[in-house]
Amino acid sequence: MACNKVLGMRNEFTAIIERDGDWFIAQCPEVLKQMVKVTLPMKRREILWQRIELVLEDRREDGLKAASADALREVVTVEK
């Protein structure tokens, strides 16, 4: 199975959402170092998930570039 199939699997992350006046600040401590700041509460999950996807894709690309051509590649699923 190819490494690019990992994005299709189900991942769960913690979303911490706090209100700051008219803003909602969302963050995901497992993945993001920065926070997402939005005014519409219904947009916070969508924007947070988009950021998580971008970070994971970027980290995956960096990791694949660093691996040698003969390295073993397989998909690993982590479940509780």
N, C-alpha and C. Protein backbone atom coordinates (compact mmCIF):
# COMPACT_ATOMS: atom_id res chain seq x y z
N MET A 1 0.85 -1.18 0.00
CA MET A 1 0.00 0.00 0.00
C MET A 1 0.89 1.24 0.00
N ALA A 2 0.56 2.23 -0.76
CA ALA A 2 1.38 3.44 -0.89
C ALA A 2 1.18 4.37 0.29
N CYS A 3 2.23 5.13 0.60
CA CYS A 3 2.16 6.07 1.73
C CYS A 3 1.12 7.16 1.53
N ASN A 4 0.84 7.52 0.28
CA ASN A 4 -0.14 8.59 0.07
C ASN A 4 -1.55 8.16 0.41
N LYS A 5 -1.79 6.92 0.73
CA LYS A 5 -3.11 6.45 1.14
C LYS A 5 -3.43 6.85 2.58
N VAL A 6 -2.43 7.28 3.35
CA VAL A 6 -2.64 7.61 4.75
C VAL A 6 -3.67 8.71 4.93
N LEU A 7 -3.73 9.69 4.02
CA LEU A 7 -4.70 10.77 4.16
C LEU A 7 -6.13 10.27 4.12
N GLY A 8 -6.37 9.13 3.50
CA GLY A 8 -7.72 8.60 3.42
C GLY A 8 -8.18 7.93 4.69
N MET A 9 -7.26 7.62 5.61
CA MET A 9 -7.68 6.95 6.83
C MET A 9 -8.27 7.94 7.82
N ARG A 10 -8.97 7.44 8.78
CA ARG A 10 -9.62 8.29 9.78
C ARG A 10 -8.62 8.68 10.85
N ASN A 11 -8.49 9.96 11.08
CA ASN A 11 -7.62 10.49 12.12
C ASN A 11 -8.46 11.30 13.09
N GLU A 12 -8.10 11.25 14.35
CA GLU A 12 -8.79 12.06 15.35
C GLU A 12 -7.77 12.95 16.03
N PHE A 13 -8.14 14.21 16.19
CA PHE A 13 -7.28 15.19 16.82
C PHE A 13 -8.11 15.98 17.83
N THR A 14 -7.44 16.60 18.77
CA THR A 14 -8.11 17.41 19.77
C THR A 14 -8.23 18.84 19.27
N ALA A 15 -9.43 19.38 19.27
CA ALA A 15 -9.64 20.78 18.92
C ALA A 15 -9.94 21.54 20.21
N ILE A 16 -9.13 22.54 20.49
CA ILE A 16 -9.37 23.40 21.65
C ILE A 16 -9.89 24.72 21.10
N ILE A 17 -11.10 25.07 21.49
CA ILE A 17 -11.76 26.26 20.95
C ILE A 17 -12.13 27.18 22.11
N GLU A 18 -11.67 28.42 22.00
CA GLU A 18 -11.95 29.40 23.04
C GLU A 18 -12.50 30.67 22.40
N ARG A 19 -13.34 31.34 23.13
CA ARG A 19 -13.89 32.60 22.64
C ARG A 19 -13.02 33.74 23.15
N ASP A 20 -12.75 34.68 22.26
CA ASP A 20 -11.96 35.87 22.60
C ASP A 20 -12.71 37.07 22.05
N GLY A 21 -13.65 37.59 22.81
CA GLY A 21 -14.48 38.69 22.34
C GLY A 21 -15.36 38.22 21.20
N ASP A 22 -15.24 38.85 20.02
CA ASP A 22 -16.02 38.45 18.85
C ASP A 22 -15.37 37.31 18.08
N TRP A 23 -14.18 36.88 18.48
CA TRP A 23 -13.43 35.85 17.76
C TRP A 23 -13.53 34.49 18.44
N PHE A 24 -13.38 33.44 17.65
CA PHE A 24 -13.22 32.10 18.16
C PHE A 24 -11.81 31.65 17.78
N ILE A 25 -11.06 31.20 18.75
CA ILE A 25 -9.69 30.77 18.52
C ILE A 25 -9.65 29.25 18.67
N ALA A 26 -9.21 28.59 17.61
CA ALA A 26 -9.15 27.13 17.61
C ALA A 26 -7.71 26.70 17.41
N GLN A 27 -7.33 25.63 18.10
CA GLN A 27 -6.00 25.07 17.92
C GLN A 27 -6.04 23.56 18.07
N CYS A 28 -5.05 22.93 17.53
CA CYS A 28 -4.92 21.47 17.61
C CYS A 28 -3.51 21.20 18.13
N PRO A 29 -3.37 20.92 19.41
CA PRO A 29 -2.04 20.79 19.99
C PRO A 29 -1.21 19.63 19.43
N GLU A 30 -1.83 18.61 18.90
CA GLU A 30 -1.08 17.48 18.34
C GLU A 30 -0.37 17.83 17.04
N VAL A 31 -0.90 18.81 16.31
CA VAL A 31 -0.39 19.08 14.97
C VAL A 31 0.06 20.52 14.78
N LEU A 32 -0.72 21.47 15.20
CA LEU A 32 -0.46 22.87 14.88
C LEU A 32 0.23 23.60 16.02
N LYS A 33 1.18 24.45 15.66
CA LYS A 33 1.81 25.31 16.65
C LYS A 33 1.09 26.65 16.72
N GLN A 34 0.47 27.04 15.61
CA GLN A 34 -0.26 28.30 15.59
C GLN A 34 -1.75 28.04 15.78
N MET A 35 -2.48 29.11 16.00
CA MET A 35 -3.92 29.00 16.22
C MET A 35 -4.67 29.54 15.01
N VAL A 36 -5.92 29.13 14.88
CA VAL A 36 -6.81 29.62 13.84
C VAL A 36 -7.77 30.58 14.52
N LYS A 37 -7.90 31.77 13.95
CA LYS A 37 -8.77 32.79 14.54
C LYS A 37 -9.87 33.12 13.53
N VAL A 38 -11.11 32.89 13.90
CA VAL A 38 -12.24 33.13 13.00
C VAL A 38 -13.36 33.85 13.75
N THR A 39 -14.23 34.50 12.98
CA THR A 39 -15.37 35.18 13.59
C THR A 39 -16.63 34.34 13.53
N LEU A 40 -16.71 33.42 12.58
CA LEU A 40 -17.90 32.58 12.45
C LEU A 40 -17.65 31.22 13.09
N PRO A 41 -18.42 30.87 14.12
CA PRO A 41 -18.16 29.60 14.81
C PRO A 41 -18.27 28.37 13.91
N MET A 42 -19.14 28.42 12.89
CA MET A 42 -19.30 27.24 12.04
C MET A 42 -18.11 27.03 11.11
N LYS A 43 -17.28 28.04 10.92
CA LYS A 43 -16.12 27.93 10.05
C LYS A 43 -14.89 27.37 10.77
N ARG A 44 -14.89 27.39 12.09
CA ARG A 44 -13.68 27.03 12.83
C ARG A 44 -13.23 25.59 12.57
N ARG A 45 -14.16 24.65 12.52
CA ARG A 45 -13.77 23.26 12.27
C ARG A 45 -13.22 23.09 10.85
N GLU A 46 -13.90 23.69 9.89
CA GLU A 46 -13.48 23.58 8.49
C GLU A 46 -12.07 24.14 8.30
N ILE A 47 -11.83 25.32 8.84
CA ILE A 47 -10.53 25.96 8.69
C ILE A 47 -9.46 25.19 9.46
N LEU A 48 -9.79 24.73 10.66
CA LEU A 48 -8.84 23.96 11.46
C LEU A 48 -8.47 22.68 10.73
N TRP A 49 -9.45 21.96 10.17
CA TRP A 49 -9.16 20.73 9.45
C TRP A 49 -8.29 21.00 8.21
N GLN A 50 -8.56 22.10 7.51
CA GLN A 50 -7.73 22.45 6.35
C GLN A 50 -6.28 22.67 6.77
N ARG A 51 -6.08 23.35 7.88
CA ARG A 51 -4.72 23.58 8.38
C ARG A 51 -4.05 22.27 8.76
N ILE A 52 -4.78 21.38 9.44
CA ILE A 52 -4.22 20.08 9.84
C ILE A 52 -3.80 19.30 8.60
N GLU A 53 -4.66 19.26 7.58
CA GLU A 53 -4.32 18.56 6.33
C GLU A 53 -3.05 19.11 5.70
N LEU A 54 -2.93 20.44 5.66
CA LEU A 54 -1.74 21.05 5.07
C LEU A 54 -0.48 20.68 5.84
N VAL A 55 -0.54 20.72 7.15
CA VAL A 55 0.62 20.37 7.97
C VAL A 55 1.01 18.92 7.76
N LEU A 56 0.03 18.01 7.77
CA LEU A 56 0.32 16.58 7.59
C LEU A 56 0.89 16.30 6.20
N GLU A 57 0.34 16.92 5.18
CA GLU A 57 0.86 16.73 3.82
C GLU A 57 2.30 17.23 3.72
N ASP A 58 2.57 18.39 4.31
CA ASP A 58 3.92 18.96 4.27
C ASP A 58 4.91 18.07 5.01
N ARG A 59 4.54 17.59 6.19
CA ARG A 59 5.42 16.70 6.95
C ARG A 59 5.66 15.39 6.21
N ARG A 60 4.61 14.87 5.57
CA ARG A 60 4.76 13.62 4.82
C ARG A 60 5.72 13.81 3.64
N GLU A 61 5.55 14.90 2.89
CA GLU A 61 6.44 15.18 1.76
C GLU A 61 7.89 15.30 2.22
N ASP A 62 8.11 16.03 3.31
CA ASP A 62 9.47 16.17 3.84
C ASP A 62 10.06 14.82 4.24
N GLY A 63 9.24 14.00 4.89
CA GLY A 63 9.70 12.68 5.32
C GLY A 63 10.01 11.78 4.15
N LEU A 64 9.19 11.81 3.11
CA LEU A 64 9.42 10.97 1.93
C LEU A 64 10.66 11.42 1.16
N LYS A 65 10.91 12.71 1.11
CA LYS A 65 12.11 13.22 0.44
C LYS A 65 13.38 12.75 1.14
N ALA A 66 13.31 12.65 2.47
CA ALA A 66 14.48 12.29 3.26
C ALA A 66 14.79 10.79 3.20
N ALA A 67 13.80 9.98 2.84
CA ALA A 67 14.00 8.52 2.81
C ALA A 67 14.78 8.10 1.58
N SER A 68 15.64 7.10 1.75
CA SER A 68 16.40 6.59 0.60
C SER A 68 15.48 5.82 -0.33
N ALA A 69 15.90 5.67 -1.57
CA ALA A 69 15.07 5.01 -2.58
C ALA A 69 14.77 3.56 -2.23
N ASP A 70 15.65 2.90 -1.49
CA ASP A 70 15.43 1.49 -1.15
C ASP A 70 14.81 1.29 0.23
N ALA A 71 14.36 2.37 0.85
CA ALA A 71 13.73 2.28 2.18
C ALA A 71 12.39 1.58 2.08
N LEU A 72 12.06 0.80 3.10
CA LEU A 72 10.76 0.14 3.18
C LEU A 72 9.71 1.18 3.52
N ARG A 73 8.62 1.19 2.79
CA ARG A 73 7.52 2.14 3.04
C ARG A 73 6.24 1.34 3.23
N GLU A 74 5.54 1.62 4.31
CA GLU A 74 4.26 0.97 4.56
C GLU A 74 3.36 1.89 5.35
N VAL A 75 2.08 1.65 5.29
CA VAL A 75 1.10 2.44 6.02
C VAL A 75 0.94 1.86 7.41
N VAL A 76 0.93 2.73 8.40
CA VAL A 76 0.75 2.33 9.78
C VAL A 76 -0.51 3.00 10.31
N THR A 77 -1.42 2.24 10.87
CA THR A 77 -2.64 2.77 11.46
C THR A 77 -2.53 2.69 12.97
N VAL A 78 -2.78 3.81 13.63
CA VAL A 78 -2.71 3.84 15.09
C VAL A 78 -4.13 3.96 15.62
N GLU A 79 -4.51 3.02 16.46
CA GLU A 79 -5.84 3.04 17.05
C GLU A 79 -5.72 2.86 18.56
N LYS A 80 -6.65 3.45 19.27
CA LYS A 80 -6.68 3.26 20.74
C LYS A 80 -7.42 2.00 21.06
